[in-house]
């Protein structure tokens, strides 16, 4: 997933960024709401992590504004505000989950995965696809019962297809998933990783929609 982190605390922000990256996600980190809006205008994100107390404003009105404009991007609130009323305000404003600081980074990872699965329409972390058994929480794949090792980049792309079964994803959409891994993505990067996925998981796991992009195949 491509995740937008909105957090002004340098130490916490760096820790969350590193955790997200270690989980195989790409992350854009901003410290102000105006930077967050610029990022959302410029790119498509799969999830937003939102602090509620930013140097240039409060996160709740920002979140309400996102929802009022029709954004359905999942949002997890990260905040030191721990009163029940604060949590209710956050959820009523459109947050999908709420974590009170200080929080465990592994719990954050689990909540990110749970929210993503709900939005993908399958809250169960274990899914099957043809001969594949996929554990979305553990980021592991079995092919006919045998483990298959995917690199972080391969997993990011495979997860993108799993989240949108039947939907064609353009090269640009897939390149966005790899944004944080490479400062410059080469022109054939997507083709190379798709080829590797096919070799590891089966020739039919990713279908080519000529001139449009790629989609999840039958496996």
N, C-alpha and C. Protein backbone atom coordinates (compact mmCIF):
# COMPACT_ATOMS: atom_id res chain seq x y z
N UNK A 1 0.83 -1.19 0.00
CA UNK A 1 0.00 0.00 0.00
C UNK A 1 0.87 1.25 0.00
N UNK A 2 0.31 2.33 -0.52
CA UNK A 2 0.96 3.63 -0.39
C UNK A 2 0.23 4.40 0.71
N UNK A 3 0.96 4.78 1.74
CA UNK A 3 0.39 5.36 2.94
C UNK A 3 0.89 6.79 3.13
N UNK A 4 -0.02 7.68 3.51
CA UNK A 4 0.34 9.05 3.84
C UNK A 4 0.36 9.17 5.36
N UNK A 5 1.52 9.53 5.92
CA UNK A 5 1.69 9.74 7.35
C UNK A 5 1.73 11.25 7.62
N UNK A 6 0.80 11.71 8.46
CA UNK A 6 0.72 13.12 8.83
C UNK A 6 1.03 13.21 10.32
N UNK A 7 2.26 13.57 10.65
CA UNK A 7 2.74 13.54 12.03
C UNK A 7 3.89 14.54 12.18
N UNK A 8 3.78 15.46 13.16
CA UNK A 8 4.81 16.48 13.31
C UNK A 8 5.90 16.12 14.31
N UNK A 9 5.71 15.07 15.10
CA UNK A 9 6.74 14.64 16.04
C UNK A 9 7.82 13.88 15.28
N UNK A 10 9.04 14.43 15.29
CA UNK A 10 10.11 13.87 14.45
C UNK A 10 10.48 12.45 14.86
N UNK A 11 10.55 12.20 16.17
CA UNK A 11 10.97 10.87 16.64
C UNK A 11 9.90 9.84 16.35
N UNK A 12 8.66 10.16 16.71
CA UNK A 12 7.57 9.21 16.44
C UNK A 12 7.35 9.04 14.95
N UNK A 13 7.41 10.12 14.21
CA UNK A 13 7.21 10.03 12.77
C UNK A 13 8.22 9.12 12.10
N UNK A 14 9.48 9.25 12.51
CA UNK A 14 10.53 8.40 11.93
C UNK A 14 10.30 6.94 12.29
N UNK A 15 9.88 6.69 13.54
CA UNK A 15 9.64 5.30 13.96
C UNK A 15 8.48 4.69 13.19
N UNK A 16 7.40 5.45 13.01
CA UNK A 16 6.25 4.95 12.27
C UNK A 16 6.61 4.74 10.80
N UNK A 17 7.32 5.71 10.23
CA UNK A 17 7.75 5.58 8.83
C UNK A 17 8.57 4.31 8.63
N UNK A 18 9.53 4.08 9.52
CA UNK A 18 10.39 2.89 9.37
C UNK A 18 9.59 1.61 9.55
N UNK A 19 8.61 1.61 10.46
CA UNK A 19 7.77 0.43 10.66
C UNK A 19 6.95 0.14 9.42
N UNK A 20 6.36 1.17 8.84
CA UNK A 20 5.55 0.99 7.64
C UNK A 20 6.40 0.44 6.49
N UNK A 21 7.59 1.03 6.34
CA UNK A 21 8.48 0.57 5.26
C UNK A 21 8.92 -0.87 5.48
N UNK A 22 9.21 -1.22 6.74
CA UNK A 22 9.61 -2.60 7.05
C UNK A 22 8.49 -3.59 6.77
N UNK A 23 7.24 -3.11 6.86
CA UNK A 23 6.09 -3.96 6.56
C UNK A 23 5.86 -4.12 5.06
N UNK A 24 6.65 -3.43 4.25
CA UNK A 24 6.52 -3.56 2.80
C UNK A 24 5.64 -2.53 2.14
N UNK A 25 5.27 -1.48 2.88
CA UNK A 25 4.46 -0.42 2.30
C UNK A 25 5.35 0.75 1.88
N UNK A 26 4.85 1.56 0.98
CA UNK A 26 5.53 2.82 0.67
C UNK A 26 4.86 3.92 1.49
N UNK A 27 5.64 4.92 1.89
CA UNK A 27 5.11 5.94 2.80
C UNK A 27 5.60 7.32 2.40
N UNK A 28 4.69 8.27 2.42
CA UNK A 28 5.00 9.68 2.29
C UNK A 28 4.74 10.32 3.65
N UNK A 29 5.71 11.05 4.18
CA UNK A 29 5.60 11.62 5.52
C UNK A 29 5.58 13.14 5.42
N UNK A 30 4.52 13.76 5.94
CA UNK A 30 4.44 15.21 6.01
C UNK A 30 4.17 15.61 7.46
N UNK A 31 4.51 16.85 7.80
CA UNK A 31 4.39 17.30 9.18
C UNK A 31 3.34 18.39 9.37
N UNK A 32 2.68 18.79 8.30
CA UNK A 32 1.67 19.84 8.37
C UNK A 32 0.46 19.47 7.52
N UNK A 33 -0.68 20.07 7.85
CA UNK A 33 -1.90 19.78 7.11
C UNK A 33 -1.85 20.33 5.69
N UNK A 34 -1.19 21.47 5.49
CA UNK A 34 -1.11 21.99 4.12
C UNK A 34 -0.27 21.07 3.25
N UNK A 35 0.79 20.49 3.83
CA UNK A 35 1.58 19.51 3.09
C UNK A 35 0.80 18.24 2.81
N UNK A 36 -0.07 17.88 3.76
CA UNK A 36 -0.90 16.69 3.58
C UNK A 36 -1.87 16.89 2.43
N UNK A 37 -2.48 18.08 2.37
CA UNK A 37 -3.43 18.34 1.29
C UNK A 37 -2.73 18.34 -0.06
N UNK A 38 -1.52 18.91 -0.10
CA UNK A 38 -0.74 18.90 -1.35
C UNK A 38 -0.45 17.47 -1.79
N UNK A 39 -0.10 16.62 -0.83
CA UNK A 39 0.21 15.23 -1.16
C UNK A 39 -1.02 14.50 -1.68
N UNK A 40 -2.17 14.73 -1.04
CA UNK A 40 -3.41 14.08 -1.46
C UNK A 40 -3.86 14.57 -2.83
N UNK A 41 -3.57 15.83 -3.14
CA UNK A 41 -3.92 16.36 -4.46
C UNK A 41 -3.02 15.80 -5.55
N UNK A 42 -1.80 15.42 -5.17
CA UNK A 42 -0.81 15.01 -6.16
C UNK A 42 -0.77 13.52 -6.41
N UNK A 43 -1.23 12.71 -5.45
CA UNK A 43 -1.09 11.26 -5.58
C UNK A 43 -2.28 10.55 -4.96
N UNK A 44 -2.40 9.28 -5.29
CA UNK A 44 -3.46 8.44 -4.75
C UNK A 44 -2.90 7.59 -3.61
N UNK A 45 -3.54 7.63 -2.45
CA UNK A 45 -3.07 6.88 -1.29
C UNK A 45 -4.11 5.82 -0.91
N UNK A 46 -3.60 4.73 -0.35
CA UNK A 46 -4.47 3.64 0.08
C UNK A 46 -4.91 3.81 1.53
N UNK A 47 -4.17 4.62 2.30
CA UNK A 47 -4.50 4.80 3.71
C UNK A 47 -3.79 6.04 4.22
N UNK A 48 -4.42 6.72 5.19
CA UNK A 48 -3.84 7.90 5.81
C UNK A 48 -3.72 7.67 7.31
N UNK A 49 -2.55 7.99 7.87
CA UNK A 49 -2.34 8.00 9.31
C UNK A 49 -2.30 9.46 9.73
N UNK A 50 -3.24 9.87 10.58
CA UNK A 50 -3.46 11.29 10.86
C UNK A 50 -3.30 11.63 12.33
N UNK A 51 -2.32 12.48 12.63
CA UNK A 51 -2.21 13.07 13.96
C UNK A 51 -3.26 14.17 14.08
N UNK A 52 -3.77 14.41 15.29
CA UNK A 52 -4.84 15.39 15.44
C UNK A 52 -4.36 16.79 15.81
N UNK A 53 -3.11 16.90 16.28
CA UNK A 53 -2.59 18.20 16.70
C UNK A 53 -1.38 18.54 15.83
N UNK A 54 -1.61 19.32 14.78
CA UNK A 54 -0.55 19.69 13.85
C UNK A 54 -0.21 21.17 13.99
N UNK A 55 0.97 21.60 13.57
CA UNK A 55 1.36 23.01 13.73
C UNK A 55 0.41 24.00 13.08
N UNK A 56 -0.24 23.60 11.99
CA UNK A 56 -1.11 24.53 11.27
C UNK A 56 -2.60 24.19 11.39
N UNK A 57 -2.95 23.40 12.40
CA UNK A 57 -4.37 23.15 12.58
C UNK A 57 -4.66 21.81 13.25
N UNK A 58 -5.96 21.54 13.40
CA UNK A 58 -6.42 20.31 14.04
C UNK A 58 -6.80 19.28 12.98
N UNK A 59 -6.58 18.02 13.33
CA UNK A 59 -6.84 16.95 12.38
C UNK A 59 -8.31 16.66 12.14
N UNK A 60 -9.18 16.90 13.14
CA UNK A 60 -10.60 16.57 12.99
C UNK A 60 -11.25 17.39 11.88
N UNK A 61 -11.11 18.73 11.86
CA UNK A 61 -11.69 19.48 10.74
C UNK A 61 -11.11 19.07 9.39
N UNK A 62 -9.82 18.73 9.38
CA UNK A 62 -9.18 18.27 8.14
C UNK A 62 -9.84 16.98 7.66
N UNK A 63 -10.09 16.06 8.59
CA UNK A 63 -10.73 14.79 8.25
C UNK A 63 -12.16 15.02 7.78
N UNK A 64 -12.88 15.89 8.48
CA UNK A 64 -14.24 16.19 8.05
C UNK A 64 -14.26 16.76 6.62
N UNK A 65 -13.27 17.61 6.33
CA UNK A 65 -13.18 18.17 4.99
C UNK A 65 -12.93 17.11 3.94
N UNK A 66 -12.07 16.13 4.25
CA UNK A 66 -11.83 15.02 3.32
C UNK A 66 -13.12 14.28 3.01
N UNK A 67 -13.85 13.93 4.06
CA UNK A 67 -15.08 13.16 3.87
C UNK A 67 -16.14 13.99 3.15
N UNK A 68 -16.19 15.29 3.45
CA UNK A 68 -17.18 16.15 2.78
C UNK A 68 -16.92 16.24 1.29
N UNK A 69 -15.65 16.12 0.91
CA UNK A 69 -15.30 16.17 -0.52
C UNK A 69 -15.43 14.80 -1.18
N UNK A 70 -15.90 13.81 -0.45
CA UNK A 70 -16.17 12.50 -1.03
C UNK A 70 -15.04 11.50 -0.93
N UNK A 71 -13.97 11.84 -0.21
CA UNK A 71 -12.85 10.91 -0.08
C UNK A 71 -13.27 9.70 0.75
N UNK A 72 -12.97 8.51 0.24
CA UNK A 72 -13.25 7.28 0.97
C UNK A 72 -11.97 6.59 1.41
N UNK A 73 -10.84 7.28 1.27
CA UNK A 73 -9.56 6.71 1.69
C UNK A 73 -9.60 6.42 3.19
N UNK A 74 -9.27 5.20 3.61
CA UNK A 74 -9.31 4.89 5.04
C UNK A 74 -8.33 5.76 5.83
N UNK A 75 -8.74 6.15 7.03
CA UNK A 75 -7.94 7.01 7.89
C UNK A 75 -7.85 6.40 9.28
N UNK A 76 -6.63 6.27 9.78
CA UNK A 76 -6.40 5.86 11.16
C UNK A 76 -5.85 7.07 11.91
N UNK A 77 -6.52 7.46 12.98
CA UNK A 77 -6.09 8.60 13.77
C UNK A 77 -5.04 8.16 14.79
N UNK A 78 -3.95 8.93 14.88
CA UNK A 78 -2.90 8.71 15.87
C UNK A 78 -2.82 9.96 16.73
N UNK A 79 -3.09 9.85 18.03
CA UNK A 79 -3.15 11.06 18.84
C UNK A 79 -2.89 10.78 20.31
N UNK A 80 -2.47 11.83 21.02
CA UNK A 80 -2.31 11.75 22.47
C UNK A 80 -3.61 12.07 23.19
N UNK A 81 -4.62 12.52 22.45
CA UNK A 81 -5.93 12.83 23.05
C UNK A 81 -6.64 11.52 23.35
N UNK A 82 -6.79 11.21 24.64
CA UNK A 82 -7.27 9.88 25.00
C UNK A 82 -8.62 9.86 25.68
N UNK A 83 -9.33 11.00 25.71
CA UNK A 83 -10.66 10.98 26.30
C UNK A 83 -11.64 10.26 25.37
N UNK A 84 -12.64 9.65 25.96
CA UNK A 84 -13.66 8.96 25.17
C UNK A 84 -14.30 9.92 24.18
N UNK A 85 -14.55 11.16 24.62
CA UNK A 85 -15.17 12.14 23.74
C UNK A 85 -14.29 12.44 22.53
N UNK A 86 -12.96 12.43 22.72
CA UNK A 86 -12.06 12.66 21.60
C UNK A 86 -12.14 11.52 20.59
N UNK A 87 -12.22 10.30 21.11
CA UNK A 87 -12.32 9.14 20.22
C UNK A 87 -13.64 9.19 19.44
N UNK A 88 -14.71 9.54 20.14
CA UNK A 88 -16.01 9.62 19.47
C UNK A 88 -15.97 10.68 18.37
N UNK A 89 -15.36 11.85 18.67
CA UNK A 89 -15.25 12.91 17.67
C UNK A 89 -14.50 12.42 16.44
N UNK A 90 -13.41 11.70 16.68
CA UNK A 90 -12.61 11.19 15.56
C UNK A 90 -13.38 10.21 14.71
N UNK A 91 -14.06 9.28 15.34
CA UNK A 91 -14.82 8.28 14.59
C UNK A 91 -16.00 8.91 13.88
N UNK A 92 -16.66 9.86 14.55
CA UNK A 92 -17.79 10.52 13.91
C UNK A 92 -17.37 11.41 12.75
N UNK A 93 -16.13 11.86 12.77
CA UNK A 93 -15.62 12.69 11.67
C UNK A 93 -15.26 11.86 10.45
N UNK A 94 -15.21 10.53 10.63
CA UNK A 94 -14.94 9.67 9.49
C UNK A 94 -13.71 8.80 9.62
N UNK A 95 -13.10 8.76 10.82
CA UNK A 95 -11.93 7.89 11.02
C UNK A 95 -12.37 6.43 11.01
N UNK A 96 -11.49 5.57 10.55
CA UNK A 96 -11.77 4.14 10.51
C UNK A 96 -11.22 3.42 11.73
N UNK A 97 -10.25 4.03 12.38
CA UNK A 97 -9.67 3.44 13.59
C UNK A 97 -8.98 4.56 14.34
N UNK A 98 -8.58 4.27 15.59
CA UNK A 98 -8.09 5.31 16.49
C UNK A 98 -7.04 4.67 17.39
N UNK A 99 -5.81 5.21 17.38
CA UNK A 99 -4.75 4.71 18.23
C UNK A 99 -4.26 5.84 19.13
N UNK A 100 -4.21 5.58 20.43
CA UNK A 100 -3.76 6.59 21.39
C UNK A 100 -2.27 6.44 21.65
N UNK A 101 -1.54 7.54 21.58
CA UNK A 101 -0.11 7.54 21.87
C UNK A 101 0.12 7.43 23.38
N UNK A 102 1.17 6.74 23.82
CA UNK A 102 2.10 5.95 23.00
C UNK A 102 1.46 4.61 22.63
N UNK A 103 1.78 4.10 21.47
CA UNK A 103 1.21 2.84 21.02
C UNK A 103 2.34 1.92 20.55
N UNK A 104 2.02 0.65 20.51
CA UNK A 104 2.98 -0.35 20.06
C UNK A 104 3.01 -0.37 18.53
N UNK A 105 4.19 -0.35 17.95
CA UNK A 105 4.30 -0.29 16.50
C UNK A 105 3.75 -1.55 15.83
N UNK A 106 3.88 -2.68 16.48
CA UNK A 106 3.32 -3.91 15.91
C UNK A 106 1.79 -3.86 15.90
N UNK A 107 1.21 -3.22 16.92
CA UNK A 107 -0.24 -3.05 16.92
C UNK A 107 -0.66 -2.13 15.78
N UNK A 108 0.12 -1.09 15.53
CA UNK A 108 -0.17 -0.21 14.40
C UNK A 108 -0.17 -1.00 13.10
N UNK A 109 0.84 -1.86 12.92
CA UNK A 109 0.91 -2.69 11.71
C UNK A 109 -0.34 -3.55 11.57
N UNK A 110 -0.77 -4.14 12.67
CA UNK A 110 -1.95 -5.01 12.64
C UNK A 110 -3.20 -4.22 12.28
N UNK A 111 -3.33 -3.02 12.83
CA UNK A 111 -4.51 -2.20 12.55
C UNK A 111 -4.52 -1.72 11.10
N UNK A 112 -3.35 -1.37 10.57
CA UNK A 112 -3.25 -0.98 9.17
C UNK A 112 -3.74 -2.13 8.29
N UNK A 113 -3.26 -3.34 8.58
CA UNK A 113 -3.68 -4.49 7.80
C UNK A 113 -5.16 -4.77 7.91
N UNK A 114 -5.72 -4.63 9.12
CA UNK A 114 -7.14 -4.90 9.32
C UNK A 114 -8.01 -3.90 8.56
N UNK A 115 -7.65 -2.63 8.64
CA UNK A 115 -8.41 -1.60 7.92
C UNK A 115 -8.33 -1.83 6.41
N UNK A 116 -7.14 -2.15 5.92
CA UNK A 116 -6.97 -2.38 4.49
C UNK A 116 -7.81 -3.56 4.02
N UNK A 117 -7.87 -4.61 4.82
CA UNK A 117 -8.66 -5.78 4.43
C UNK A 117 -10.15 -5.46 4.41
N UNK A 118 -10.61 -4.67 5.36
CA UNK A 118 -12.02 -4.31 5.37
C UNK A 118 -12.38 -3.52 4.11
N UNK A 119 -11.52 -2.61 3.72
CA UNK A 119 -11.80 -1.81 2.53
C UNK A 119 -11.72 -2.65 1.26
N UNK A 120 -10.90 -3.69 1.30
CA UNK A 120 -10.80 -4.57 0.14
C UNK A 120 -11.96 -5.56 0.08
N UNK A 121 -12.82 -5.54 1.11
CA UNK A 121 -14.00 -6.39 1.11
C UNK A 121 -13.77 -7.77 1.68
N UNK A 122 -12.61 -8.01 2.28
CA UNK A 122 -12.33 -9.32 2.84
C UNK A 122 -11.58 -9.16 4.16
N UNK A 123 -12.31 -9.11 5.29
CA UNK A 123 -11.64 -8.93 6.58
C UNK A 123 -10.82 -10.13 7.03
N UNK A 124 -11.00 -11.27 6.37
CA UNK A 124 -10.25 -12.47 6.72
C UNK A 124 -8.82 -12.35 6.20
N UNK A 125 -7.80 -12.47 7.07
CA UNK A 125 -6.42 -12.33 6.59
C UNK A 125 -5.94 -13.51 5.75
N UNK A 126 -6.64 -14.65 5.80
CA UNK A 126 -6.25 -15.82 5.03
C UNK A 126 -7.19 -15.96 3.83
N UNK A 127 -6.64 -15.89 2.63
CA UNK A 127 -7.46 -16.06 1.44
C UNK A 127 -6.81 -17.10 0.53
N UNK A 128 -7.61 -17.69 -0.32
CA UNK A 128 -7.09 -18.63 -1.30
C UNK A 128 -7.37 -18.09 -2.70
N UNK A 129 -6.44 -18.36 -3.58
CA UNK A 129 -6.59 -17.94 -4.97
C UNK A 129 -5.96 -19.01 -5.83
N UNK A 130 -6.81 -19.84 -6.42
CA UNK A 130 -6.28 -20.98 -7.17
C UNK A 130 -5.45 -21.85 -6.26
N UNK A 131 -4.22 -22.19 -6.66
CA UNK A 131 -3.37 -23.03 -5.82
C UNK A 131 -2.65 -22.26 -4.72
N UNK A 132 -2.95 -20.97 -4.59
CA UNK A 132 -2.24 -20.12 -3.63
C UNK A 132 -3.05 -19.95 -2.35
N UNK A 133 -2.36 -20.00 -1.22
CA UNK A 133 -2.93 -19.64 0.07
C UNK A 133 -2.13 -18.44 0.57
N UNK A 134 -2.83 -17.34 0.80
CA UNK A 134 -2.16 -16.09 1.11
C UNK A 134 -2.56 -15.63 2.50
N UNK A 135 -1.57 -15.34 3.33
CA UNK A 135 -1.80 -14.77 4.65
C UNK A 135 -1.46 -13.29 4.56
N UNK A 136 -2.50 -12.44 4.49
CA UNK A 136 -2.27 -11.01 4.31
C UNK A 136 -1.62 -10.39 5.52
N UNK A 137 -1.91 -10.91 6.71
CA UNK A 137 -1.32 -10.34 7.92
C UNK A 137 0.16 -10.68 8.03
N UNK A 138 0.50 -11.92 7.72
CA UNK A 138 1.90 -12.35 7.81
C UNK A 138 2.68 -12.06 6.53
N UNK A 139 1.98 -11.66 5.49
CA UNK A 139 2.59 -11.39 4.18
C UNK A 139 3.36 -12.62 3.69
N UNK A 140 2.65 -13.73 3.69
CA UNK A 140 3.25 -14.99 3.26
C UNK A 140 2.35 -15.66 2.23
N UNK A 141 2.97 -16.47 1.37
CA UNK A 141 2.25 -17.15 0.29
C UNK A 141 2.68 -18.61 0.25
N UNK A 142 1.69 -19.48 0.13
CA UNK A 142 1.94 -20.91 -0.10
C UNK A 142 1.44 -21.26 -1.49
N UNK A 143 2.24 -21.98 -2.25
CA UNK A 143 1.85 -22.50 -3.56
C UNK A 143 1.75 -24.01 -3.45
N UNK A 144 0.53 -24.53 -3.53
CA UNK A 144 0.29 -25.97 -3.33
C UNK A 144 0.89 -26.42 -2.00
N UNK A 145 0.75 -25.57 -0.98
CA UNK A 145 1.22 -25.92 0.36
C UNK A 145 2.67 -25.63 0.63
N UNK A 146 3.42 -25.20 -0.38
CA UNK A 146 4.84 -24.92 -0.21
C UNK A 146 5.07 -23.41 -0.14
N UNK A 147 5.89 -22.95 0.82
CA UNK A 147 6.12 -21.50 0.95
C UNK A 147 6.87 -20.93 -0.24
N UNK A 148 6.46 -19.74 -0.64
CA UNK A 148 7.13 -19.00 -1.71
C UNK A 148 7.64 -17.70 -1.13
N UNK A 149 8.90 -17.41 -1.37
CA UNK A 149 9.51 -16.20 -0.85
C UNK A 149 9.35 -15.07 -1.87
N UNK A 150 8.68 -14.01 -1.45
CA UNK A 150 8.55 -12.82 -2.28
C UNK A 150 9.38 -11.69 -1.69
N UNK A 151 10.01 -10.91 -2.54
CA UNK A 151 10.70 -9.72 -2.06
C UNK A 151 9.67 -8.67 -1.65
N UNK A 152 10.14 -7.63 -0.97
CA UNK A 152 9.22 -6.57 -0.53
C UNK A 152 8.51 -5.95 -1.71
N UNK A 153 9.23 -5.70 -2.80
CA UNK A 153 8.62 -5.08 -3.98
C UNK A 153 7.62 -6.02 -4.64
N UNK A 154 7.96 -7.29 -4.71
CA UNK A 154 7.03 -8.27 -5.30
C UNK A 154 5.76 -8.37 -4.47
N UNK A 155 5.90 -8.36 -3.14
CA UNK A 155 4.71 -8.43 -2.30
C UNK A 155 3.83 -7.21 -2.49
N UNK A 156 4.43 -6.03 -2.54
CA UNK A 156 3.66 -4.79 -2.71
C UNK A 156 2.80 -4.86 -3.97
N UNK A 157 3.38 -5.32 -5.06
CA UNK A 157 2.62 -5.41 -6.30
C UNK A 157 1.55 -6.50 -6.23
N UNK A 158 1.92 -7.65 -5.68
CA UNK A 158 0.95 -8.74 -5.57
C UNK A 158 -0.23 -8.33 -4.70
N UNK A 159 0.06 -7.63 -3.59
CA UNK A 159 -1.00 -7.16 -2.70
C UNK A 159 -1.93 -6.18 -3.42
N UNK A 160 -1.34 -5.34 -4.29
CA UNK A 160 -2.16 -4.40 -5.05
C UNK A 160 -3.19 -5.13 -5.91
N UNK A 161 -2.78 -6.21 -6.55
CA UNK A 161 -3.71 -7.00 -7.37
C UNK A 161 -4.75 -7.69 -6.50
N UNK A 162 -4.33 -8.22 -5.35
CA UNK A 162 -5.26 -8.91 -4.46
C UNK A 162 -6.33 -7.97 -3.93
N UNK A 163 -5.96 -6.73 -3.70
CA UNK A 163 -6.90 -5.76 -3.15
C UNK A 163 -7.95 -5.33 -4.18
N UNK A 164 -7.64 -5.52 -5.46
CA UNK A 164 -8.57 -5.09 -6.51
C UNK A 164 -8.76 -6.20 -7.54
N UNK A 165 -9.32 -7.32 -7.12
CA UNK A 165 -9.49 -8.45 -8.06
C UNK A 165 -10.37 -8.06 -9.23
N UNK A 166 -9.89 -8.37 -10.42
CA UNK A 166 -10.65 -8.07 -11.63
C UNK A 166 -10.42 -6.67 -12.17
N UNK A 167 -9.82 -5.81 -11.38
CA UNK A 167 -9.60 -4.43 -11.82
C UNK A 167 -8.25 -4.29 -12.50
N UNK A 168 -8.23 -3.58 -13.61
CA UNK A 168 -6.98 -3.33 -14.31
C UNK A 168 -6.22 -2.20 -13.61
N UNK A 169 -4.97 -2.45 -13.30
CA UNK A 169 -4.12 -1.43 -12.70
C UNK A 169 -3.10 -0.98 -13.73
N UNK A 170 -3.02 0.31 -13.95
CA UNK A 170 -2.09 0.84 -14.94
C UNK A 170 -0.65 0.78 -14.42
N UNK A 171 0.28 0.93 -15.33
CA UNK A 171 1.68 0.95 -14.91
C UNK A 171 1.92 2.09 -13.91
N UNK A 172 1.30 3.25 -14.15
CA UNK A 172 1.48 4.39 -13.25
C UNK A 172 0.97 4.07 -11.85
N UNK A 173 -0.18 3.40 -11.76
CA UNK A 173 -0.72 3.03 -10.45
C UNK A 173 0.21 2.07 -9.72
N UNK A 174 0.77 1.14 -10.46
CA UNK A 174 1.69 0.17 -9.84
C UNK A 174 3.00 0.83 -9.47
N UNK A 175 3.47 1.75 -10.28
CA UNK A 175 4.72 2.46 -9.96
C UNK A 175 4.56 3.25 -8.67
N UNK A 176 3.36 3.79 -8.43
CA UNK A 176 3.13 4.53 -7.20
C UNK A 176 3.31 3.64 -5.98
N UNK A 177 2.97 2.36 -6.12
CA UNK A 177 3.14 1.43 -5.00
C UNK A 177 4.61 1.26 -4.64
N UNK A 178 5.49 1.44 -5.62
CA UNK A 178 6.92 1.24 -5.38
C UNK A 178 7.64 2.54 -5.10
N UNK A 179 6.88 3.60 -4.90
CA UNK A 179 7.44 4.95 -4.80
C UNK A 179 8.58 5.06 -3.79
N UNK A 180 8.40 4.49 -2.60
CA UNK A 180 9.39 4.68 -1.54
C UNK A 180 10.60 3.76 -1.68
N UNK A 181 10.52 2.76 -2.55
CA UNK A 181 11.62 1.82 -2.67
C UNK A 181 12.75 2.34 -3.55
N UNK A 182 12.44 3.13 -4.52
CA UNK A 182 13.44 3.61 -5.46
C UNK A 182 13.27 5.10 -5.68
N UNK A 183 14.40 5.83 -5.64
CA UNK A 183 14.30 7.25 -5.93
C UNK A 183 13.95 7.48 -7.39
N UNK A 184 14.34 6.55 -8.24
CA UNK A 184 13.99 6.64 -9.65
C UNK A 184 13.60 5.26 -10.15
N UNK A 185 12.36 5.13 -10.57
CA UNK A 185 11.86 3.84 -11.05
C UNK A 185 12.14 3.73 -12.55
N UNK A 186 12.84 2.69 -12.93
CA UNK A 186 13.19 2.51 -14.33
C UNK A 186 11.95 2.14 -15.15
N UNK A 187 12.05 2.35 -16.44
CA UNK A 187 10.88 2.20 -17.31
C UNK A 187 10.35 0.77 -17.34
N UNK A 188 11.21 -0.21 -17.10
CA UNK A 188 10.77 -1.61 -17.18
C UNK A 188 10.60 -2.25 -15.80
N UNK A 189 10.58 -1.44 -14.73
CA UNK A 189 10.51 -2.00 -13.38
C UNK A 189 9.28 -2.87 -13.18
N UNK A 190 8.13 -2.39 -13.60
CA UNK A 190 6.89 -3.14 -13.39
C UNK A 190 6.92 -4.45 -14.16
N UNK A 191 7.37 -4.40 -15.41
CA UNK A 191 7.43 -5.61 -16.22
C UNK A 191 8.35 -6.66 -15.57
N UNK A 192 9.46 -6.20 -15.02
CA UNK A 192 10.41 -7.12 -14.38
C UNK A 192 9.77 -7.81 -13.18
N UNK A 193 9.10 -7.04 -12.34
CA UNK A 193 8.51 -7.64 -11.14
C UNK A 193 7.30 -8.50 -11.46
N UNK A 194 6.52 -8.13 -12.46
CA UNK A 194 5.41 -8.97 -12.89
C UNK A 194 5.95 -10.31 -13.40
N UNK A 195 7.03 -10.25 -14.18
CA UNK A 195 7.63 -11.48 -14.69
C UNK A 195 8.10 -12.38 -13.54
N UNK A 196 8.67 -11.79 -12.52
CA UNK A 196 9.12 -12.59 -11.37
C UNK A 196 7.96 -13.19 -10.60
N UNK A 197 6.86 -12.43 -10.48
CA UNK A 197 5.68 -12.98 -9.81
C UNK A 197 5.14 -14.18 -10.57
N UNK A 198 5.13 -14.08 -11.89
CA UNK A 198 4.63 -15.20 -12.70
C UNK A 198 5.52 -16.43 -12.54
N UNK A 199 6.82 -16.22 -12.48
CA UNK A 199 7.74 -17.35 -12.33
C UNK A 199 7.56 -18.02 -10.97
N UNK A 200 7.29 -17.22 -9.93
CA UNK A 200 7.20 -17.77 -8.58
C UNK A 200 5.81 -18.33 -8.26
N UNK A 201 4.77 -17.68 -8.79
CA UNK A 201 3.41 -18.02 -8.36
C UNK A 201 2.56 -18.67 -9.45
N UNK A 202 3.07 -18.69 -10.67
CA UNK A 202 2.32 -19.29 -11.77
C UNK A 202 2.15 -18.29 -12.90
N UNK A 203 2.22 -18.79 -14.12
CA UNK A 203 2.19 -17.92 -15.30
C UNK A 203 0.91 -17.12 -15.39
N UNK A 204 -0.20 -17.64 -14.84
CA UNK A 204 -1.47 -16.95 -14.99
C UNK A 204 -1.85 -16.05 -13.82
N UNK A 205 -0.94 -15.88 -12.86
CA UNK A 205 -1.30 -15.12 -11.67
C UNK A 205 -1.54 -13.64 -11.97
N UNK A 206 -0.85 -13.11 -12.97
CA UNK A 206 -1.06 -11.72 -13.38
C UNK A 206 -1.31 -11.70 -14.89
N UNK A 207 -2.44 -11.14 -15.29
CA UNK A 207 -2.79 -11.03 -16.70
C UNK A 207 -2.42 -9.66 -17.24
N UNK A 208 -2.01 -9.63 -18.50
CA UNK A 208 -1.71 -8.36 -19.17
C UNK A 208 -2.92 -7.90 -19.94
N UNK A 209 -3.35 -6.67 -19.67
CA UNK A 209 -4.39 -6.03 -20.47
C UNK A 209 -3.67 -5.09 -21.42
N UNK A 210 -3.46 -5.54 -22.63
CA UNK A 210 -2.57 -4.85 -23.55
C UNK A 210 -2.95 -3.38 -23.72
N UNK A 211 -1.98 -2.54 -23.51
CA UNK A 211 -2.17 -1.11 -23.65
C UNK A 211 -2.81 -0.44 -22.46
N UNK A 212 -3.25 -1.25 -21.47
CA UNK A 212 -3.95 -0.68 -20.31
C UNK A 212 -3.22 -0.92 -19.00
N UNK A 213 -2.68 -2.12 -18.82
CA UNK A 213 -2.00 -2.44 -17.58
C UNK A 213 -2.08 -3.91 -17.24
N UNK A 214 -2.28 -4.22 -15.98
CA UNK A 214 -2.30 -5.61 -15.52
C UNK A 214 -3.44 -5.81 -14.51
N UNK A 215 -3.85 -7.08 -14.36
CA UNK A 215 -4.86 -7.41 -13.37
C UNK A 215 -4.58 -8.81 -12.83
N UNK A 216 -5.21 -9.12 -11.71
CA UNK A 216 -5.07 -10.44 -11.12
C UNK A 216 -5.66 -11.49 -12.03
N UNK A 217 -4.90 -12.54 -12.28
CA UNK A 217 -5.37 -13.63 -13.13
C UNK A 217 -5.91 -14.78 -12.29
N UNK A 218 -6.18 -15.86 -12.97
CA UNK A 218 -6.77 -17.02 -12.28
C UNK A 218 -5.76 -17.79 -11.46
N UNK A 219 -4.49 -17.54 -11.67
CA UNK A 219 -3.47 -18.24 -10.91
C UNK A 219 -2.95 -19.46 -11.64
